[in-house]
């Protein structure tokens, strides 16, 4: 399982209204797309109704998604914050 770090590129984009998280997160998923989808699912995508119900985590213009090869300790399907706490559980 790969671990990806996702960070805001455009923190002022209106799609952030559709996410419960705006800080850097790490996601355990097999591909970058699946990592983006996982974070979007765990952060309340579309629950707030703003910016066309799109998640900032799924938009490459709004967030980066970079493989972190040195991290291996997260279980598949897990998203964590910088302080190590779980997102969406």
C-alpha atoms as a PDB file:
ATOM      1  CA  UNK A   1       0.000   0.000   0.000  1.00  0.00           C
ATOM      2  CA  UNK A   2       1.256   3.458  -0.876  1.00  0.00           C
ATOM      3  CA  UNK A   3       1.018   6.527   1.332  1.00  0.00           C
ATOM      4  CA  UNK A   4       0.315   9.913  -0.282  1.00  0.00           C
ATOM      5  CA  UNK A   5       0.626  13.384   1.193  1.00  0.00           C
ATOM      6  CA  UNK A   6      -2.062  15.813   0.036  1.00  0.00           C
ATOM      7  CA  UNK A   7      -1.586  19.567   0.461  1.00  0.00           C
ATOM      8  CA  UNK A   8      -3.477  22.671  -0.580  1.00  0.00           C
ATOM      9  CA  UNK A   9      -2.072  24.469  -3.618  1.00  0.00           C
ATOM     10  CA  UNK A  10      -4.917  27.001  -3.792  1.00  0.00           C
ATOM     11  CA  UNK A  11      -6.246  27.478  -0.237  1.00  0.00           C
ATOM     12  CA  UNK A  12      -8.603  30.239  -1.414  1.00  0.00           C
ATOM     13  CA  UNK A  13     -10.465  28.066  -3.940  1.00  0.00           C
ATOM     14  CA  UNK A  14     -14.227  27.967  -3.194  1.00  0.00           C
ATOM     15  CA  UNK A  15     -14.273  24.145  -3.225  1.00  0.00           C
ATOM     16  CA  UNK A  16     -12.695  24.158   0.266  1.00  0.00           C
ATOM     17  CA  UNK A  17     -16.184  24.894   1.557  1.00  0.00           C
ATOM     18  CA  UNK A  18     -16.952  21.263   0.657  1.00  0.00           C
ATOM     19  CA  UNK A  19     -14.297  19.785   2.945  1.00  0.00           C
ATOM     20  CA  UNK A  20     -14.120  19.366   6.697  1.00  0.00           C
ATOM     21  CA  UNK A  21     -10.311  19.411   6.428  1.00  0.00           C
ATOM     22  CA  UNK A  22      -8.085  22.085   4.936  1.00  0.00           C
ATOM     23  CA  UNK A  23      -4.699  21.100   6.337  1.00  0.00           C
ATOM     24  CA  UNK A  24      -2.212  18.576   4.989  1.00  0.00           C
ATOM     25  CA  UNK A  25      -3.297  14.931   5.260  1.00  0.00           C
ATOM     26  CA  UNK A  26      -1.787  11.534   4.467  1.00  0.00           C
ATOM     27  CA  UNK A  27      -3.792   8.778   2.786  1.00  0.00           C
ATOM     28  CA  UNK A  28      -3.078   5.064   2.364  1.00  0.00           C
ATOM     29  CA  UNK A  29      -4.243   4.005  -1.089  1.00  0.00           C
ATOM     30  CA  UNK A  30      -2.883   2.093  -4.093  1.00  0.00           C
ATOM     31  CA  UNK A  31      -2.852   5.080  -6.504  1.00  0.00           C
ATOM     32  CA  UNK A  32      -2.886   8.895  -6.333  1.00  0.00           C
ATOM     33  CA  UNK A  33      -6.432   8.967  -7.736  1.00  0.00           C
ATOM     34  CA  UNK A  34      -7.645   6.530  -5.103  1.00  0.00           C
ATOM     35  CA  UNK A  35      -5.870   8.586  -2.419  1.00  0.00           C
ATOM     36  CA  UNK A  36      -7.668  11.725  -3.641  1.00  0.00           C
ATOM     37  CA  UNK A  37     -11.009   9.882  -3.700  1.00  0.00           C
ATOM     38  CA  UNK A  38     -10.405   8.449  -0.225  1.00  0.00           C
ATOM     39  CA  UNK A  39      -9.678  11.864   1.277  1.00  0.00           C
ATOM     40  CA  UNK A  40     -12.696  13.347  -0.502  1.00  0.00           C
ATOM     41  CA  UNK A  41     -14.915  10.587   0.898  1.00  0.00           C
ATOM     42  CA  UNK A  42     -13.606  11.040   4.444  1.00  0.00           C
ATOM     43  CA  UNK A  43     -13.896  14.825   4.497  1.00  0.00           C
ATOM     44  CA  UNK A  44     -17.564  15.302   3.692  1.00  0.00           C
ATOM     45  CA  UNK A  45     -17.550  15.948  -0.042  1.00  0.00           C
ATOM     46  CA  UNK A  46     -20.735  17.621  -1.209  1.00  0.00           C
ATOM     47  CA  UNK A  47     -22.214  17.931   2.257  1.00  0.00           C
ATOM     48  CA  UNK A  48     -21.930  21.710   2.281  1.00  0.00           C
ATOM     49  CA  UNK A  49     -23.355  22.404  -1.175  1.00  0.00           C
ATOM     50  CA  UNK A  50     -20.847  25.047  -2.249  1.00  0.00           C
ATOM     51  CA  UNK A  51     -18.705  25.311  -5.364  1.00  0.00           C
ATOM     52  CA  UNK A  52     -20.646  22.760  -7.383  1.00  0.00           C
ATOM     53  CA  UNK A  53     -20.268  20.005  -4.775  1.00  0.00           C
ATOM     54  CA  UNK A  54     -16.707  19.302  -5.844  1.00  0.00           C
ATOM     55  CA  UNK A  55     -13.979  18.293  -3.463  1.00  0.00           C
ATOM     56  CA  UNK A  56     -10.734  20.258  -3.410  1.00  0.00           C
ATOM     57  CA  UNK A  57      -8.935  16.970  -2.779  1.00  0.00           C
ATOM     58  CA  UNK A  58      -9.914  15.624  -6.209  1.00  0.00           C
ATOM     59  CA  UNK A  59      -8.768  18.697  -8.132  1.00  0.00           C
ATOM     60  CA  UNK A  60      -5.093  18.707  -9.168  1.00  0.00           C
ATOM     61  CA  UNK A  61      -5.229  22.494  -9.567  1.00  0.00           C
ATOM     62  CA  UNK A  62      -6.272  22.913  -5.924  1.00  0.00           C
ATOM     63  CA  UNK A  63      -4.273  20.202  -4.102  1.00  0.00           C
ATOM     64  CA  UNK A  64      -1.064  18.276  -4.607  1.00  0.00           C
ATOM     65  CA  UNK A  65      -0.822  14.516  -4.077  1.00  0.00           C
ATOM     66  CA  UNK A  66       2.716  13.200  -3.601  1.00  0.00           C
ATOM     67  CA  UNK A  67       3.841   9.657  -2.855  1.00  0.00           C
ATOM     68  CA  UNK A  68       5.647   9.357   0.503  1.00  0.00           C
ATOM     69  CA  UNK A  69       7.847   6.240   0.059  1.00  0.00           C
ATOM     70  CA  UNK A  70       9.323   6.511   3.559  1.00  0.00           C
ATOM     71  CA  UNK A  71       5.902   6.083   5.197  1.00  0.00           C
ATOM     72  CA  UNK A  72       4.555   2.563   5.437  1.00  0.00           C
ATOM     73  CA  UNK A  73       2.720   2.366   8.760  1.00  0.00           C
ATOM     74  CA  UNK A  74      -0.835   3.336   7.698  1.00  0.00           C
ATOM     75  CA  UNK A  75      -3.487   0.731   6.978  1.00  0.00           C
ATOM     76  CA  UNK A  76      -5.256   0.781   3.619  1.00  0.00           C
ATOM     77  CA  UNK A  77      -8.168   3.203   3.575  1.00  0.00           C
ATOM     78  CA  UNK A  78      -6.752   5.351   6.359  1.00  0.00           C
ATOM     79  CA  UNK A  79      -6.437   9.146   6.279  1.00  0.00           C
ATOM     80  CA  UNK A  80      -4.526  10.975   9.021  1.00  0.00           C
ATOM     81  CA  UNK A  81      -3.820  14.575   9.957  1.00  0.00           C
ATOM     82  CA  UNK A  82      -0.385  15.977  10.707  1.00  0.00           C
ATOM     83  CA  UNK A  83      -0.882  15.286  14.422  1.00  0.00           C
ATOM     84  CA  UNK A  84      -1.549  11.597  13.648  1.00  0.00           C
ATOM     85  CA  UNK A  85      -5.275  11.670  14.393  1.00  0.00           C
ATOM     86  CA  UNK A  86      -7.648   9.850  12.041  1.00  0.00           C
ATOM     87  CA  UNK A  87      -9.854  11.715   9.575  1.00  0.00           C
ATOM     88  CA  UNK A  88     -13.454  10.634   9.061  1.00  0.00           C
ATOM     89  CA  UNK A  89     -13.647   7.818  11.575  1.00  0.00           C
END
